[in-house]
Amino acid sequence: MIKHFIFDMGNVLIEFRPDVFIGRLNVSEQDGALLKRAVFDAEEWAYLDDGSLSEEELCSHLKDVLPKHLHDPMIRLVTAWDEPLMEVAGMSQLVGELKGKGYGLYLLSNASRRQHQYWPRISASRYFDGTLISADVRMVKPNPDIYRHLFETFSLRPQECFFIDDLERNIRAAEALGMQGHVFDGDIAALRRAIATAIVSN
């Protein structure tokens, strides 16, 4: 029986679109491409999620590899990409409905420690019973240990959980541990159908 819903954050609750973030900056197309490669496509970005690099350290590193005129835009991308936040349409309503029906709601996200600063600005955040952020525990999805840590932290049984993530590899890892799941591609209607099927079949 499904009792809890576990949500990813990026491209599930909020949009994470590097091209959109770069488009907010007053930079040339060439400089925008350079920023994308240096900031979002580089392996150092993943170090924010696993907690091995702070945003200040990343900015310091990127100042050494980017021309000076791109330092300020780079800092904005690293430390303020969430201004303004773009929520996934219809997701806050769905989360609220699930909460109203008595389901437990939890966040499991690969994100930097700064997530705690912008999380309250996400409208769906008020419905959640708990959150687990990768940088805080120095583990990232799809490492099975982060899922086990979630279960232990919030006393969850995997077979009672339904996981929603935008990456198939993260869903497959969850399923291997006993959770049901759905790869979210922006189609709220398809997600609602998957949730309804999971609830009815249990």
Protein backbone atom coordinates (compact mmCIF):
# COMPACT_ATOMS: atom_id res chain seq x y z
CA MET A 1 0.00 0.00 0.00
CA ILE A 2 1.38 3.40 -1.01
CA LYS A 3 1.58 5.71 2.00
CA HIS A 4 4.32 8.14 1.00
CA PHE A 5 5.40 10.08 -2.07
CA ILE A 6 9.05 10.98 -2.58
CA PHE A 7 9.79 13.89 -4.91
CA ASP A 8 12.92 15.04 -6.67
CA MET A 9 13.23 18.82 -6.95
CA GLY A 10 14.94 19.95 -10.18
CA ASN A 11 12.65 19.59 -13.22
CA VAL A 12 10.01 18.05 -10.96
CA LEU A 13 9.01 20.78 -8.50
CA ILE A 14 11.02 23.58 -10.12
CA GLU A 15 12.51 24.12 -13.54
CA PHE A 16 16.26 23.77 -13.79
CA ARG A 17 17.11 25.15 -17.23
CA PRO A 18 20.69 26.42 -17.68
CA ASP A 19 19.88 27.95 -21.08
CA VAL A 20 17.10 29.99 -19.48
CA PHE A 21 19.37 31.12 -16.64
CA ILE A 22 22.06 32.19 -19.10
CA GLY A 23 19.45 33.95 -21.23
CA ARG A 24 18.75 36.27 -18.30
CA LEU A 25 22.29 37.61 -18.53
CA ASN A 26 23.43 40.39 -20.82
CA VAL A 27 26.10 38.33 -22.58
CA SER A 28 26.82 37.40 -26.16
CA GLU A 29 25.87 34.04 -27.61
CA GLN A 30 29.54 33.04 -27.61
CA ASP A 31 30.01 34.05 -23.97
CA GLY A 32 26.79 32.27 -23.06
CA ALA A 33 28.07 29.04 -24.58
CA LEU A 34 31.35 29.46 -22.70
CA LEU A 35 29.52 29.98 -19.41
CA LYS A 36 27.38 26.92 -19.98
CA ARG A 37 30.43 24.73 -20.59
CA ALA A 38 32.38 26.18 -17.66
CA VAL A 39 29.58 26.23 -15.10
CA PHE A 40 26.88 23.67 -15.80
CA ASP A 41 28.64 21.16 -18.06
CA ALA A 42 31.84 20.87 -16.04
CA GLU A 43 32.33 18.09 -13.49
CA GLU A 44 32.82 20.66 -10.73
CA TRP A 45 29.09 21.45 -10.78
CA ALA A 46 28.41 17.91 -9.56
CA TYR A 47 30.77 18.53 -6.64
CA LEU A 48 28.23 21.00 -5.25
CA ASP A 49 25.68 18.21 -5.07
CA ASP A 50 27.97 15.74 -3.32
CA GLY A 51 29.04 18.37 -0.80
CA SER A 52 32.73 18.24 -1.68
CA LEU A 53 32.80 21.80 -3.04
CA SER A 54 31.15 24.98 -1.80
CA GLU A 55 29.73 27.59 -4.12
CA GLU A 56 32.42 30.01 -2.97
CA GLU A 57 35.11 27.48 -3.88
CA LEU A 58 33.51 26.83 -7.25
CA CYS A 59 33.40 30.55 -8.02
CA SER A 60 37.05 30.90 -7.06
CA HIS A 61 37.96 28.04 -9.38
CA LEU A 62 35.91 29.43 -12.27
CA LYS A 63 37.56 32.84 -11.96
CA ASP A 64 40.79 31.09 -12.96
CA VAL A 65 39.29 29.58 -16.12
CA LEU A 66 36.97 32.34 -17.34
CA PRO A 67 37.84 35.81 -18.71
CA LYS A 68 37.36 38.61 -16.22
CA HIS A 69 34.33 40.13 -17.96
CA LEU A 70 32.44 36.88 -17.27
CA HIS A 71 33.21 36.72 -13.56
CA ASP A 72 30.10 38.59 -12.42
CA PRO A 73 27.74 36.67 -14.74
CA MET A 74 29.34 33.41 -13.57
CA ILE A 75 28.83 34.31 -9.91
CA ARG A 76 25.18 35.05 -10.62
CA LEU A 77 24.76 31.68 -12.31
CA VAL A 78 26.34 29.81 -9.42
CA THR A 79 24.76 31.69 -6.54
CA ALA A 80 21.52 33.14 -7.90
CA TRP A 81 20.22 30.89 -10.69
CA ASP A 82 17.11 30.51 -8.55
CA GLU A 83 16.18 34.20 -8.85
CA PRO A 84 13.46 34.03 -9.92
CA LEU A 85 12.40 30.46 -9.23
CA MET A 86 10.36 28.83 -11.97
CA GLU A 87 7.93 26.24 -10.64
CA VAL A 88 6.76 23.29 -12.72
CA ALA A 89 3.19 24.09 -13.71
CA GLY A 90 0.59 22.08 -11.83
CA MET A 91 3.00 20.38 -9.45
CA SER A 92 2.23 22.43 -6.35
CA GLN A 93 -1.47 21.68 -6.80
CA LEU A 94 -0.78 17.95 -7.11
CA VAL A 95 1.42 17.94 -4.02
CA GLY A 96 -1.25 19.79 -2.08
CA GLU A 97 -3.87 17.27 -3.13
CA LEU A 98 -1.72 14.36 -1.99
CA LYS A 99 -1.12 16.06 1.34
CA GLY A 100 -4.84 16.64 1.74
CA LYS A 101 -5.44 12.92 1.27
CA GLY A 102 -3.09 12.12 4.13
CA TYR A 103 -0.02 10.88 2.29
CA GLY A 104 3.47 11.49 3.65
CA LEU A 105 5.55 13.74 1.41
CA TYR A 106 9.35 13.81 1.28
CA LEU A 107 12.00 15.46 -0.86
CA LEU A 108 15.06 13.57 -2.08
CA SER A 109 17.21 15.87 -4.18
CA ASN A 110 20.72 16.13 -5.53
CA ALA A 111 21.41 19.73 -4.59
CA SER A 112 23.96 21.99 -2.94
CA ARG A 113 23.75 23.16 0.66
CA ARG A 114 22.26 26.46 -0.53
CA GLN A 115 19.06 24.55 -1.29
CA HIS A 116 17.95 25.30 2.26
CA GLN A 117 17.87 29.01 1.41
CA TYR A 118 15.54 28.83 -1.58
CA TRP A 119 13.46 25.78 -0.58
CA PRO A 120 10.94 27.89 1.44
CA ARG A 121 10.28 29.97 -1.69
CA ILE A 122 8.95 26.91 -3.52
CA SER A 123 5.20 26.92 -2.96
CA ALA A 124 4.98 23.12 -2.62
CA SER A 125 7.56 23.11 0.19
CA ARG A 126 4.92 23.84 2.83
CA TYR A 127 3.36 20.44 2.27
CA PHE A 128 6.48 18.35 2.88
CA ASP A 129 7.09 16.26 5.99
CA GLY A 130 10.84 16.00 5.49
CA THR A 131 13.71 16.69 3.11
CA LEU A 132 17.00 14.96 2.35
CA ILE A 133 19.60 16.88 0.35
CA SER A 134 22.60 15.16 -1.18
CA ALA A 135 25.19 17.75 -0.16
CA ASP A 136 24.18 17.38 3.49
CA VAL A 137 24.83 13.64 3.53
CA ARG A 138 27.70 13.55 0.99
CA MET A 139 25.85 11.04 -1.19
CA VAL A 140 24.05 11.51 -4.50
CA LYS A 141 21.40 9.63 -6.43
CA PRO A 142 21.49 7.00 -7.83
CA ASN A 143 23.79 5.71 -5.06
CA PRO A 144 21.60 3.18 -3.20
CA ASP A 145 22.95 4.43 0.11
CA ILE A 146 21.15 7.77 -0.18
CA TYR A 147 17.83 5.98 -0.61
CA ARG A 148 18.57 3.78 2.41
CA HIS A 149 19.47 6.90 4.36
CA LEU A 150 16.09 8.37 3.43
CA PHE A 151 14.29 5.25 4.65
CA GLU A 152 16.19 5.22 7.92
CA THR A 153 15.90 8.95 8.58
CA PHE A 154 12.13 9.07 8.17
CA SER A 155 11.26 5.47 9.12
CA LEU A 156 9.90 4.65 5.68
CA ARG A 157 9.26 1.23 4.17
CA PRO A 158 10.33 1.19 0.50
CA GLN A 159 7.30 -0.80 -0.61
CA GLU A 160 5.07 1.96 0.77
CA CYS A 161 6.82 4.69 -1.21
CA PHE A 162 6.28 6.08 -4.71
CA PHE A 163 9.22 8.05 -6.12
CA ILE A 164 9.04 10.81 -8.75
CA ASP A 165 12.25 11.90 -10.51
CA ASP A 166 13.12 13.29 -13.93
CA LEU A 167 16.01 10.86 -14.49
CA GLU A 168 15.40 7.23 -15.34
CA ARG A 169 18.58 6.04 -13.62
CA ASN A 170 17.35 7.45 -10.32
CA ILE A 171 13.99 5.74 -10.68
CA ARG A 172 15.63 2.42 -11.55
CA ALA A 173 17.82 2.64 -8.45
CA ALA A 174 14.75 3.31 -6.34
CA GLU A 175 12.88 0.37 -7.86
CA ALA A 176 15.82 -1.92 -7.15
CA LEU A 177 15.32 -1.12 -3.48
CA GLY A 178 11.60 -1.83 -3.53
CA MET A 179 10.00 1.51 -4.32
CA GLN A 180 7.61 2.16 -7.15
CA GLY A 181 8.41 5.15 -9.31
CA HIS A 182 7.70 7.36 -12.30
CA VAL A 183 10.08 9.17 -14.65
CA PHE A 184 8.62 12.66 -14.87
CA ASP A 185 9.03 14.41 -18.21
CA GLY A 186 6.84 17.41 -17.53
CA ASP A 187 3.56 15.64 -18.28
CA ILE A 188 1.45 16.19 -15.17
CA ALA A 189 -1.46 14.20 -16.60
CA ALA A 190 0.75 11.15 -17.13
CA LEU A 191 2.09 11.49 -13.60
CA ARG A 192 -1.44 11.66 -12.19
CA ARG A 193 -2.34 8.50 -14.07
CA ALA A 194 0.76 6.71 -12.77
CA ILE A 195 -0.05 7.76 -9.21
CA ALA A 196 -3.68 6.64 -9.54
CA THR A 197 -2.60 3.27 -10.91
CA ALA A 198 -0.12 2.76 -8.09
CA ILE A 199 -2.69 3.63 -5.44
CA VAL A 200 -5.38 1.38 -6.91
CA SER A 201 -3.04 -1.59 -7.45
CA ASN A 202 -1.91 -1.66 -3.84
